[in-house]
Amino acid sequence: MSLITEALRRTRDASRPAGPPPLPVVAAPPIPAPIIPAGPSHHSPMRAVLVVLLVVVVMGAGYAGFRASRSTPVVAPPAPEPPAPVVVEDPPPPPVVEQPKPEPPPPPEPELAKPPRELPKLTLQGITHDKTGYEALINNWNVRVSQEIEGARVTAIENGVVKLEFDGQEIVLRLR
């Protein structure tokens, strides 16, 4: 759009004769409306029609109000009756039902003695120590405290000694 506007300006400027630039167009100040003095000789018929219409509307509204007040007597609504008192009776107590007494639990059955498990053959092969703690090499497995090997739980690892627990028995392995 700006290319078209620029081309039109160039065409307009090229068609003008060289010389002083034209003077800018200045808008003329608005002309004030004529002041007509108010007086009895300047009443317009439209003003008279408006006044008559206003009088008719006001009188019609007054007549409608007068007629409404005369034709419908104002009667106060009847007072509401007070509510009847509500009598609440206590419900009868629930019947007493005796609960049957629970039977005592049967005596526990005697546990069958488990045959003792055979102690596993465990061989301590070495103990190492680093910043995370001790580690033992038992039956070619690296174990730490609380780990299990062959059903036995490692309870402690110290210099040259590893303690394990197997079926409630303590097993102590020493380096040779």
N, C-alpha and C. Protein backbone atom coordinates (compact mmCIF):
# COMPACT_ATOMS: atom_id res chain seq x y z
N MET A 1 0.83 -1.19 0.00
CA MET A 1 0.00 0.00 0.00
C MET A 1 0.88 1.25 0.00
N SER A 2 1.99 1.21 0.73
CA SER A 2 2.86 2.39 0.79
C SER A 2 3.54 2.62 -0.55
N LEU A 3 3.77 1.59 -1.35
CA LEU A 3 4.37 1.78 -2.68
C LEU A 3 3.41 2.55 -3.59
N ILE A 4 2.13 2.23 -3.47
CA ILE A 4 1.13 2.93 -4.29
C ILE A 4 1.05 4.39 -3.87
N THR A 5 1.04 4.63 -2.55
CA THR A 5 0.97 6.00 -2.05
C THR A 5 2.19 6.79 -2.49
N GLU A 6 3.38 6.17 -2.42
CA GLU A 6 4.61 6.85 -2.83
C GLU A 6 4.57 7.17 -4.31
N ALA A 7 4.07 6.27 -5.14
CA ALA A 7 3.99 6.51 -6.59
C ALA A 7 3.02 7.65 -6.88
N LEU A 8 1.90 7.71 -6.18
CA LEU A 8 0.95 8.80 -6.40
C LEU A 8 1.57 10.15 -6.02
N ARG A 9 2.33 10.17 -4.91
CA ARG A 9 2.98 11.43 -4.51
C ARG A 9 3.97 11.89 -5.57
N ARG A 10 4.76 10.98 -6.09
CA ARG A 10 5.75 11.35 -7.11
C ARG A 10 5.06 11.90 -8.36
N THR A 11 3.97 11.25 -8.76
CA THR A 11 3.23 11.72 -9.93
C THR A 11 2.69 13.12 -9.68
N ARG A 12 2.12 13.35 -8.48
CA ARG A 12 1.55 14.65 -8.14
C ARG A 12 2.65 15.71 -8.10
N ASP A 13 3.80 15.37 -7.49
CA ASP A 13 4.90 16.33 -7.39
C ASP A 13 5.49 16.64 -8.77
N ALA A 14 5.53 15.68 -9.66
CA ALA A 14 6.09 15.88 -10.99
C ALA A 14 5.16 16.76 -11.83
N SER A 15 3.86 16.72 -11.60
CA SER A 15 2.94 17.50 -12.40
C SER A 15 2.83 18.94 -11.91
N ARG A 16 3.35 19.25 -10.77
CA ARG A 16 3.30 20.63 -10.26
C ARG A 16 4.39 21.47 -10.91
N PRO A 17 4.05 22.73 -11.14
CA PRO A 17 5.10 23.61 -11.68
C PRO A 17 6.09 23.94 -10.58
N ALA A 18 7.32 24.14 -10.96
CA ALA A 18 8.34 24.50 -9.98
C ALA A 18 8.07 25.89 -9.48
N GLY A 19 8.24 26.11 -8.25
CA GLY A 19 7.99 27.41 -7.66
C GLY A 19 7.79 27.27 -6.17
N PRO A 20 7.25 28.29 -5.57
CA PRO A 20 7.09 28.20 -4.11
C PRO A 20 6.03 27.15 -3.76
N PRO A 21 6.20 26.51 -2.62
CA PRO A 21 5.22 25.49 -2.23
C PRO A 21 3.87 26.12 -1.94
N PRO A 22 2.82 25.37 -2.15
CA PRO A 22 1.49 25.94 -1.88
C PRO A 22 1.29 26.16 -0.38
N LEU A 23 0.47 27.12 -0.09
CA LEU A 23 0.18 27.43 1.30
C LEU A 23 -0.72 26.34 1.89
N PRO A 24 -0.50 26.03 3.16
CA PRO A 24 -1.34 24.99 3.78
C PRO A 24 -2.76 25.48 3.94
N VAL A 25 -3.70 24.56 3.83
CA VAL A 25 -5.11 24.89 3.95
C VAL A 25 -5.44 24.90 5.44
N VAL A 26 -6.02 26.00 5.89
CA VAL A 26 -6.39 26.14 7.29
C VAL A 26 -7.91 26.15 7.36
N ALA A 27 -8.47 25.36 8.29
CA ALA A 27 -9.92 25.30 8.42
C ALA A 27 -10.43 26.60 9.03
N ALA A 28 -11.56 27.04 8.56
CA ALA A 28 -12.17 28.27 9.09
C ALA A 28 -12.80 27.97 10.43
N PRO A 29 -12.85 28.93 11.32
CA PRO A 29 -13.47 28.70 12.64
C PRO A 29 -14.97 28.44 12.45
N PRO A 30 -15.55 27.64 13.34
CA PRO A 30 -16.98 27.35 13.20
C PRO A 30 -17.83 28.59 13.41
N ILE A 31 -18.93 28.62 12.67
CA ILE A 31 -19.83 29.77 12.77
C ILE A 31 -20.80 29.50 13.92
N PRO A 32 -20.89 30.42 14.87
CA PRO A 32 -21.81 30.19 15.99
C PRO A 32 -23.26 30.26 15.52
N ALA A 33 -24.11 29.50 16.23
CA ALA A 33 -25.54 29.50 15.90
C ALA A 33 -26.13 30.86 16.27
N PRO A 34 -27.12 31.31 15.51
CA PRO A 34 -27.70 32.62 15.82
C PRO A 34 -28.47 32.56 17.14
N ILE A 35 -28.35 33.58 17.89
CA ILE A 35 -29.04 33.68 19.17
C ILE A 35 -30.38 34.36 18.92
N ILE A 36 -31.45 33.61 19.29
CA ILE A 36 -32.79 34.15 19.09
C ILE A 36 -33.30 34.57 20.46
N PRO A 37 -33.66 35.81 20.59
CA PRO A 37 -34.16 36.27 21.90
C PRO A 37 -35.49 35.58 22.23
N ALA A 38 -35.65 35.20 23.51
CA ALA A 38 -36.88 34.54 23.94
C ALA A 38 -37.95 35.59 24.17
N GLY A 39 -39.12 35.28 23.78
CA GLY A 39 -40.21 36.23 23.97
C GLY A 39 -41.49 35.65 23.43
N PRO A 40 -42.61 36.31 23.67
CA PRO A 40 -43.88 35.77 23.25
C PRO A 40 -44.03 35.69 21.74
N SER A 41 -43.27 36.47 21.00
CA SER A 41 -43.46 36.47 19.57
C SER A 41 -42.72 35.33 18.88
N HIS A 42 -41.84 34.62 19.63
CA HIS A 42 -41.03 33.59 19.00
C HIS A 42 -41.44 32.17 19.39
N HIS A 43 -42.67 31.95 19.77
CA HIS A 43 -43.13 30.61 20.09
C HIS A 43 -43.31 29.83 18.81
N SER A 44 -42.80 28.58 18.86
CA SER A 44 -42.97 27.76 17.67
C SER A 44 -44.15 26.83 17.89
N PRO A 45 -44.80 26.38 16.83
CA PRO A 45 -45.92 25.46 17.00
C PRO A 45 -45.45 24.14 17.61
N MET A 46 -44.23 23.73 17.38
CA MET A 46 -43.72 22.48 17.93
C MET A 46 -43.64 22.56 19.45
N ARG A 47 -43.25 23.69 19.98
CA ARG A 47 -43.15 23.87 21.43
C ARG A 47 -44.54 23.74 22.04
N ALA A 48 -45.53 24.28 21.41
CA ALA A 48 -46.89 24.22 21.94
C ALA A 48 -47.38 22.78 21.95
N VAL A 49 -47.07 22.01 20.93
CA VAL A 49 -47.50 20.61 20.86
C VAL A 49 -46.83 19.81 21.98
N LEU A 50 -45.57 20.09 22.25
CA LEU A 50 -44.85 19.38 23.30
C LEU A 50 -45.44 19.67 24.67
N VAL A 51 -45.80 20.92 24.92
CA VAL A 51 -46.39 21.30 26.20
C VAL A 51 -47.73 20.59 26.39
N VAL A 52 -48.56 20.56 25.34
CA VAL A 52 -49.87 19.90 25.43
C VAL A 52 -49.68 18.41 25.71
N LEU A 53 -48.75 17.79 25.02
CA LEU A 53 -48.49 16.37 25.25
C LEU A 53 -48.05 16.10 26.69
N LEU A 54 -47.21 16.94 27.22
CA LEU A 54 -46.75 16.78 28.60
C LEU A 54 -47.90 16.88 29.57
N VAL A 55 -48.79 17.84 29.37
CA VAL A 55 -49.93 18.01 30.26
C VAL A 55 -50.83 16.78 30.19
N VAL A 56 -51.05 16.23 29.00
CA VAL A 56 -51.93 15.07 28.83
C VAL A 56 -51.33 13.86 29.56
N VAL A 57 -50.06 13.66 29.43
CA VAL A 57 -49.40 12.52 30.07
C VAL A 57 -49.49 12.63 31.58
N VAL A 58 -49.22 13.79 32.12
CA VAL A 58 -49.27 13.98 33.58
C VAL A 58 -50.68 13.78 34.09
N MET A 59 -51.66 14.31 33.41
CA MET A 59 -53.05 14.16 33.86
C MET A 59 -53.50 12.71 33.74
N GLY A 60 -53.10 12.03 32.68
CA GLY A 60 -53.48 10.63 32.52
C GLY A 60 -52.89 9.77 33.63
N ALA A 61 -51.67 10.02 34.01
CA ALA A 61 -51.05 9.25 35.08
C ALA A 61 -51.75 9.52 36.40
N GLY A 62 -52.09 10.76 36.65
CA GLY A 62 -52.80 11.10 37.90
C GLY A 62 -54.16 10.45 37.93
N TYR A 63 -54.89 10.43 36.81
CA TYR A 63 -56.21 9.83 36.76
C TYR A 63 -56.12 8.32 36.97
N ALA A 64 -55.12 7.69 36.37
CA ALA A 64 -54.96 6.24 36.53
C ALA A 64 -54.69 5.91 37.99
N GLY A 65 -53.88 6.69 38.67
CA GLY A 65 -53.60 6.46 40.09
C GLY A 65 -54.85 6.66 40.93
N PHE A 66 -55.62 7.69 40.60
CA PHE A 66 -56.85 7.96 41.33
C PHE A 66 -57.82 6.82 41.16
N ARG A 67 -57.96 6.35 39.95
CA ARG A 67 -58.91 5.28 39.65
C ARG A 67 -58.49 3.98 40.35
N ALA A 68 -57.19 3.69 40.36
CA ALA A 68 -56.71 2.47 41.01
C ALA A 68 -56.96 2.52 42.51
N SER A 69 -56.81 3.67 43.11
CA SER A 69 -57.00 3.76 44.56
C SER A 69 -58.48 3.66 44.92
N ARG A 70 -59.38 4.05 44.04
CA ARG A 70 -60.82 4.02 44.32
C ARG A 70 -61.42 2.64 44.07
N SER A 71 -60.91 1.92 43.08
CA SER A 71 -61.56 0.67 42.69
C SER A 71 -61.09 -0.51 43.53
N THR A 72 -59.88 -0.51 44.06
CA THR A 72 -59.38 -1.65 44.83
C THR A 72 -59.13 -1.21 46.27
N PRO A 73 -59.99 -1.66 47.19
CA PRO A 73 -59.75 -1.27 48.58
C PRO A 73 -58.52 -2.00 49.12
N VAL A 74 -57.79 -1.33 49.93
CA VAL A 74 -56.59 -1.91 50.53
C VAL A 74 -57.02 -2.68 51.77
N VAL A 75 -56.76 -3.97 51.76
CA VAL A 75 -57.13 -4.83 52.88
C VAL A 75 -55.86 -5.49 53.38
N ALA A 76 -55.67 -5.45 54.68
CA ALA A 76 -54.48 -6.09 55.26
C ALA A 76 -54.66 -7.60 55.19
N PRO A 77 -53.61 -8.32 54.91
CA PRO A 77 -53.71 -9.78 54.85
C PRO A 77 -54.01 -10.34 56.25
N PRO A 78 -54.70 -11.44 56.32
CA PRO A 78 -55.01 -11.99 57.63
C PRO A 78 -53.73 -12.43 58.34
N ALA A 79 -53.74 -12.29 59.64
CA ALA A 79 -52.57 -12.67 60.44
C ALA A 79 -52.43 -14.20 60.41
N PRO A 80 -51.24 -14.69 60.28
CA PRO A 80 -51.07 -16.14 60.24
C PRO A 80 -51.37 -16.74 61.62
N GLU A 81 -51.90 -17.94 61.59
CA GLU A 81 -52.21 -18.61 62.84
C GLU A 81 -50.91 -19.11 63.46
N PRO A 82 -50.82 -19.06 64.78
CA PRO A 82 -49.59 -19.56 65.41
C PRO A 82 -49.51 -21.07 65.20
N PRO A 83 -48.32 -21.56 65.03
CA PRO A 83 -48.18 -23.00 64.79
C PRO A 83 -48.58 -23.79 66.02
N ALA A 84 -49.11 -24.96 65.76
CA ALA A 84 -49.54 -25.82 66.86
C ALA A 84 -48.30 -26.34 67.57
N PRO A 85 -48.36 -26.46 68.89
CA PRO A 85 -47.17 -26.95 69.61
C PRO A 85 -46.88 -28.40 69.22
N VAL A 86 -45.61 -28.68 69.11
CA VAL A 86 -45.18 -30.01 68.73
C VAL A 86 -44.78 -30.76 70.00
N VAL A 87 -45.39 -31.92 70.19
CA VAL A 87 -45.08 -32.73 71.36
C VAL A 87 -44.16 -33.86 70.90
N VAL A 88 -43.00 -33.93 71.52
CA VAL A 88 -42.04 -34.96 71.17
C VAL A 88 -41.93 -35.91 72.35
N GLU A 89 -42.19 -37.16 72.07
CA GLU A 89 -42.08 -38.16 73.13
C GLU A 89 -40.76 -38.88 72.94
N ASP A 90 -40.17 -39.28 74.06
CA ASP A 90 -38.93 -40.05 73.99
C ASP A 90 -39.26 -41.43 73.43
N PRO A 91 -38.43 -41.92 72.54
CA PRO A 91 -38.70 -43.25 71.99
C PRO A 91 -38.47 -44.30 73.08
N PRO A 92 -39.15 -45.40 72.98
CA PRO A 92 -38.96 -46.43 74.01
C PRO A 92 -37.54 -46.98 73.91
N PRO A 93 -36.98 -47.39 75.03
CA PRO A 93 -35.61 -47.91 74.98
C PRO A 93 -35.58 -49.20 74.17
N PRO A 94 -34.47 -49.45 73.51
CA PRO A 94 -34.39 -50.67 72.72
C PRO A 94 -34.40 -51.90 73.64
N PRO A 95 -34.94 -52.99 73.17
CA PRO A 95 -34.97 -54.17 74.02
C PRO A 95 -33.55 -54.67 74.29
N VAL A 96 -33.36 -55.17 75.47
CA VAL A 96 -32.04 -55.68 75.86
C VAL A 96 -31.91 -57.09 75.31
N VAL A 97 -30.92 -57.27 74.50
CA VAL A 97 -30.67 -58.58 73.91
C VAL A 97 -29.32 -59.03 74.43
N GLU A 98 -29.30 -60.17 75.06
CA GLU A 98 -28.04 -60.67 75.59
C GLU A 98 -27.24 -61.29 74.45
N GLN A 99 -26.02 -60.86 74.39
CA GLN A 99 -25.12 -61.38 73.37
C GLN A 99 -24.56 -62.71 73.86
N PRO A 100 -24.47 -63.67 72.98
CA PRO A 100 -23.87 -64.93 73.41
C PRO A 100 -22.39 -64.70 73.71
N LYS A 101 -21.92 -65.33 74.73
CA LYS A 101 -20.51 -65.18 75.10
C LYS A 101 -19.66 -65.94 74.09
N PRO A 102 -18.58 -65.30 73.67
CA PRO A 102 -17.73 -66.00 72.69
C PRO A 102 -17.04 -67.20 73.36
N GLU A 103 -16.87 -68.22 72.59
CA GLU A 103 -16.20 -69.40 73.10
C GLU A 103 -14.71 -69.12 73.16
N PRO A 104 -14.05 -69.65 74.17
CA PRO A 104 -12.60 -69.43 74.25
C PRO A 104 -11.92 -70.13 73.08
N PRO A 105 -10.81 -69.56 72.64
CA PRO A 105 -10.12 -70.18 71.50
C PRO A 105 -9.59 -71.56 71.89
N PRO A 106 -9.52 -72.43 70.94
CA PRO A 106 -9.01 -73.77 71.25
C PRO A 106 -7.55 -73.69 71.68
N PRO A 107 -7.12 -74.60 72.52
CA PRO A 107 -5.71 -74.56 72.95
C PRO A 107 -4.79 -74.77 71.75
N PRO A 108 -3.63 -74.15 71.80
CA PRO A 108 -2.72 -74.29 70.66
C PRO A 108 -2.23 -75.73 70.55
N GLU A 109 -2.09 -76.14 69.32
CA GLU A 109 -1.61 -77.49 69.09
C GLU A 109 -0.11 -77.52 69.35
N PRO A 110 0.37 -78.56 69.92
CA PRO A 110 1.81 -78.62 70.18
C PRO A 110 2.58 -78.62 68.85
N GLU A 111 3.65 -77.84 68.86
CA GLU A 111 4.47 -77.74 67.64
C GLU A 111 5.26 -79.02 67.48
N LEU A 112 5.32 -79.42 66.27
CA LEU A 112 6.12 -80.59 65.98
C LEU A 112 7.57 -80.16 65.98
N ALA A 113 8.37 -80.88 66.66
CA ALA A 113 9.79 -80.53 66.75
C ALA A 113 10.42 -80.68 65.38
N LYS A 114 11.08 -79.64 64.97
CA LYS A 114 11.77 -79.68 63.69
C LYS A 114 13.12 -80.35 63.90
N PRO A 115 13.47 -81.14 63.00
CA PRO A 115 14.80 -81.73 63.15
C PRO A 115 15.85 -80.64 62.96
N PRO A 116 16.88 -80.62 63.80
CA PRO A 116 17.89 -79.56 63.67
C PRO A 116 18.59 -79.67 62.31
N ARG A 117 18.81 -78.48 61.75
CA ARG A 117 19.52 -78.45 60.47
C ARG A 117 21.01 -78.69 60.73
N GLU A 118 21.61 -79.22 59.76
CA GLU A 118 23.04 -79.50 59.89
C GLU A 118 23.82 -78.22 59.67
N LEU A 119 24.82 -77.96 60.49
CA LEU A 119 25.65 -76.77 60.34
C LEU A 119 26.34 -76.81 58.98
N PRO A 120 26.30 -75.67 58.26
CA PRO A 120 26.97 -75.67 56.96
C PRO A 120 28.48 -75.63 57.14
N LYS A 121 29.17 -76.10 56.15
CA LYS A 121 30.63 -76.05 56.19
C LYS A 121 31.04 -74.70 55.65
N LEU A 122 31.58 -73.85 56.52
CA LEU A 122 31.98 -72.49 56.17
C LEU A 122 33.47 -72.35 56.39
N THR A 123 34.14 -71.74 55.41
CA THR A 123 35.59 -71.54 55.50
C THR A 123 35.87 -70.06 55.29
N LEU A 124 36.50 -69.42 56.30
CA LEU A 124 36.90 -68.01 56.21
C LEU A 124 38.20 -67.95 55.44
N GLN A 125 38.21 -67.22 54.32
CA GLN A 125 39.39 -67.17 53.45
C GLN A 125 40.12 -65.85 53.57
N GLY A 126 39.44 -64.80 54.06
CA GLY A 126 40.13 -63.52 54.21
C GLY A 126 39.18 -62.44 54.69
N ILE A 127 39.77 -61.33 55.20
CA ILE A 127 39.01 -60.17 55.67
C ILE A 127 39.67 -58.93 55.11
N THR A 128 38.87 -58.02 54.55
CA THR A 128 39.38 -56.74 54.05
C THR A 128 38.65 -55.61 54.76
N HIS A 129 39.30 -54.45 54.72
CA HIS A 129 38.71 -53.27 55.38
C HIS A 129 38.94 -52.06 54.48
N ASP A 130 37.88 -51.27 54.26
CA ASP A 130 38.01 -50.00 53.54
C ASP A 130 37.15 -48.96 54.26
N LYS A 131 36.98 -47.80 53.66
CA LYS A 131 36.24 -46.73 54.34
C LYS A 131 34.76 -47.07 54.54
N THR A 132 34.20 -48.03 53.81
CA THR A 132 32.79 -48.41 53.99
C THR A 132 32.63 -49.49 55.05
N GLY A 133 33.71 -50.10 55.50
CA GLY A 133 33.62 -51.09 56.56
C GLY A 133 34.36 -52.37 56.20
N TYR A 134 34.13 -53.41 57.03
CA TYR A 134 34.77 -54.71 56.84
C TYR A 134 33.99 -55.56 55.85
N GLU A 135 34.72 -56.46 55.18
CA GLU A 135 34.13 -57.41 54.26
C GLU A 135 34.91 -58.72 54.41
N ALA A 136 34.16 -59.84 54.45
CA ALA A 136 34.81 -61.14 54.63
C ALA A 136 34.63 -61.97 53.37
N LEU A 137 35.62 -62.84 53.11
CA LEU A 137 35.55 -63.77 51.99
C LEU A 137 35.34 -65.15 52.60
N ILE A 138 34.09 -65.67 52.44
CA ILE A 138 33.73 -66.96 53.00
C ILE A 138 33.24 -67.84 51.85
N ASN A 139 33.84 -69.04 51.73
CA ASN A 139 33.47 -69.99 50.66
C ASN A 139 33.44 -69.30 49.30
N ASN A 140 34.41 -68.45 49.03
CA ASN A 140 34.59 -67.72 47.77
C ASN A 140 33.48 -66.68 47.51
N TRP A 141 32.80 -66.23 48.59
CA TRP A 141 31.78 -65.19 48.49
C TRP A 141 32.16 -64.02 49.39
N ASN A 142 32.04 -62.78 48.86
CA ASN A 142 32.26 -61.59 49.68
C ASN A 142 30.97 -61.27 50.42
N VAL A 143 31.04 -61.13 51.75
CA VAL A 143 29.86 -60.83 52.56
C VAL A 143 30.17 -59.70 53.52
N ARG A 144 29.12 -58.99 53.90
CA ARG A 144 29.22 -57.91 54.90
C ARG A 144 28.27 -58.25 56.04
N VAL A 145 28.31 -57.45 57.10
CA VAL A 145 27.45 -57.66 58.26
C VAL A 145 26.00 -57.59 57.80
N SER A 146 25.13 -58.48 58.30
CA SER A 146 23.69 -58.63 58.06
C SER A 146 23.38 -59.38 56.77
N GLN A 147 24.38 -59.80 56.03
CA GLN A 147 24.13 -60.62 54.86
C GLN A 147 24.15 -62.09 55.27
N GLU A 148 23.59 -62.96 54.41
CA GLU A 148 23.54 -64.39 54.71
C GLU A 148 24.40 -65.17 53.72
N ILE A 149 24.93 -66.29 54.24
CA ILE A 149 25.65 -67.24 53.40
C ILE A 149 25.37 -68.64 53.93
N GLU A 150 24.89 -69.53 53.05
CA GLU A 150 24.56 -70.91 53.40
C GLU A 150 23.58 -70.98 54.56
N GLY A 151 22.63 -70.00 54.67
CA GLY A 151 21.62 -70.01 55.73
C GLY A 151 22.07 -69.37 57.02
N ALA A 152 23.32 -68.92 57.12
CA ALA A 152 23.85 -68.29 58.34
C ALA A 152 23.95 -66.79 58.09
N ARG A 153 23.54 -66.00 59.09
CA ARG A 153 23.58 -64.53 58.97
C ARG A 153 24.86 -64.02 59.64
N VAL A 154 25.57 -63.10 58.92
CA VAL A 154 26.79 -62.50 59.45
C VAL A 154 26.40 -61.45 60.47
N THR A 155 26.88 -61.58 61.72
CA THR A 155 26.53 -60.62 62.78
C THR A 155 27.66 -59.65 63.08
N ALA A 156 28.93 -60.06 62.85
CA ALA A 156 30.05 -59.15 63.11
C ALA A 156 31.26 -59.59 62.32
N ILE A 157 32.05 -58.60 61.89
CA ILE A 157 33.33 -58.87 61.23
C ILE A 157 34.35 -57.98 61.92
N GLU A 158 35.41 -58.60 62.45
CA GLU A 158 36.47 -57.87 63.15
C GLU A 158 37.81 -58.34 62.62
N ASN A 159 38.88 -57.83 63.18
CA ASN A 159 40.22 -58.23 62.74
C ASN A 159 40.42 -59.72 63.00
N GLY A 160 40.45 -60.50 61.96
CA GLY A 160 40.73 -61.92 62.04
C GLY A 160 39.58 -62.79 62.49
N VAL A 161 38.36 -62.23 62.80
CA VAL A 161 37.24 -63.01 63.31
C VAL A 161 35.95 -62.60 62.61
N VAL A 162 35.12 -63.62 62.26
CA VAL A 162 33.80 -63.37 61.70
C VAL A 162 32.82 -64.16 62.55
N LYS A 163 31.74 -63.46 63.03
CA LYS A 163 30.71 -64.12 63.85
C LYS A 163 29.45 -64.24 63.00
N LEU A 164 28.83 -65.44 63.05
CA LEU A 164 27.61 -65.71 62.30
C LEU A 164 26.58 -66.30 63.25
N GLU A 165 25.31 -66.28 62.84
CA GLU A 165 24.23 -66.86 63.63
C GLU A 165 23.49 -67.83 62.73
N PHE A 166 23.34 -69.08 63.23
CA PHE A 166 22.66 -70.11 62.45
C PHE A 166 21.71 -70.85 63.38
N ASP A 167 20.39 -70.74 63.13
CA ASP A 167 19.35 -71.39 63.94
C ASP A 167 19.53 -71.13 65.44
N GLY A 168 19.84 -69.89 65.80
CA GLY A 168 19.98 -69.53 67.21
C GLY A 168 21.35 -69.85 67.79
N GLN A 169 22.21 -70.47 67.02
CA GLN A 169 23.56 -70.78 67.50
C GLN A 169 24.56 -69.78 66.93
N GLU A 170 25.57 -69.45 67.71
CA GLU A 170 26.60 -68.53 67.24
C GLU A 170 27.75 -69.35 66.69
N ILE A 171 28.23 -68.96 65.52
CA ILE A 171 29.37 -69.61 64.87
C ILE A 171 30.48 -68.59 64.78
N VAL A 172 31.68 -68.92 65.18
CA VAL A 172 32.83 -68.02 65.11
C VAL A 172 33.84 -68.63 64.16
N LEU A 173 34.19 -67.87 63.11
CA LEU A 173 35.21 -68.30 62.16
C LEU A 173 36.45 -67.44 62.37
N ARG A 174 37.64 -68.10 62.39
CA ARG A 174 38.92 -67.38 62.57
C ARG A 174 39.80 -67.62 61.35
N LEU A 175 40.62 -66.62 61.06
CA LEU A 175 41.59 -66.78 59.97
C LEU A 175 42.68 -67.74 60.44
N ARG A 176 43.21 -68.58 59.57
CA ARG A 176 44.29 -69.53 59.91
C ARG A 176 45.58 -69.04 59.41
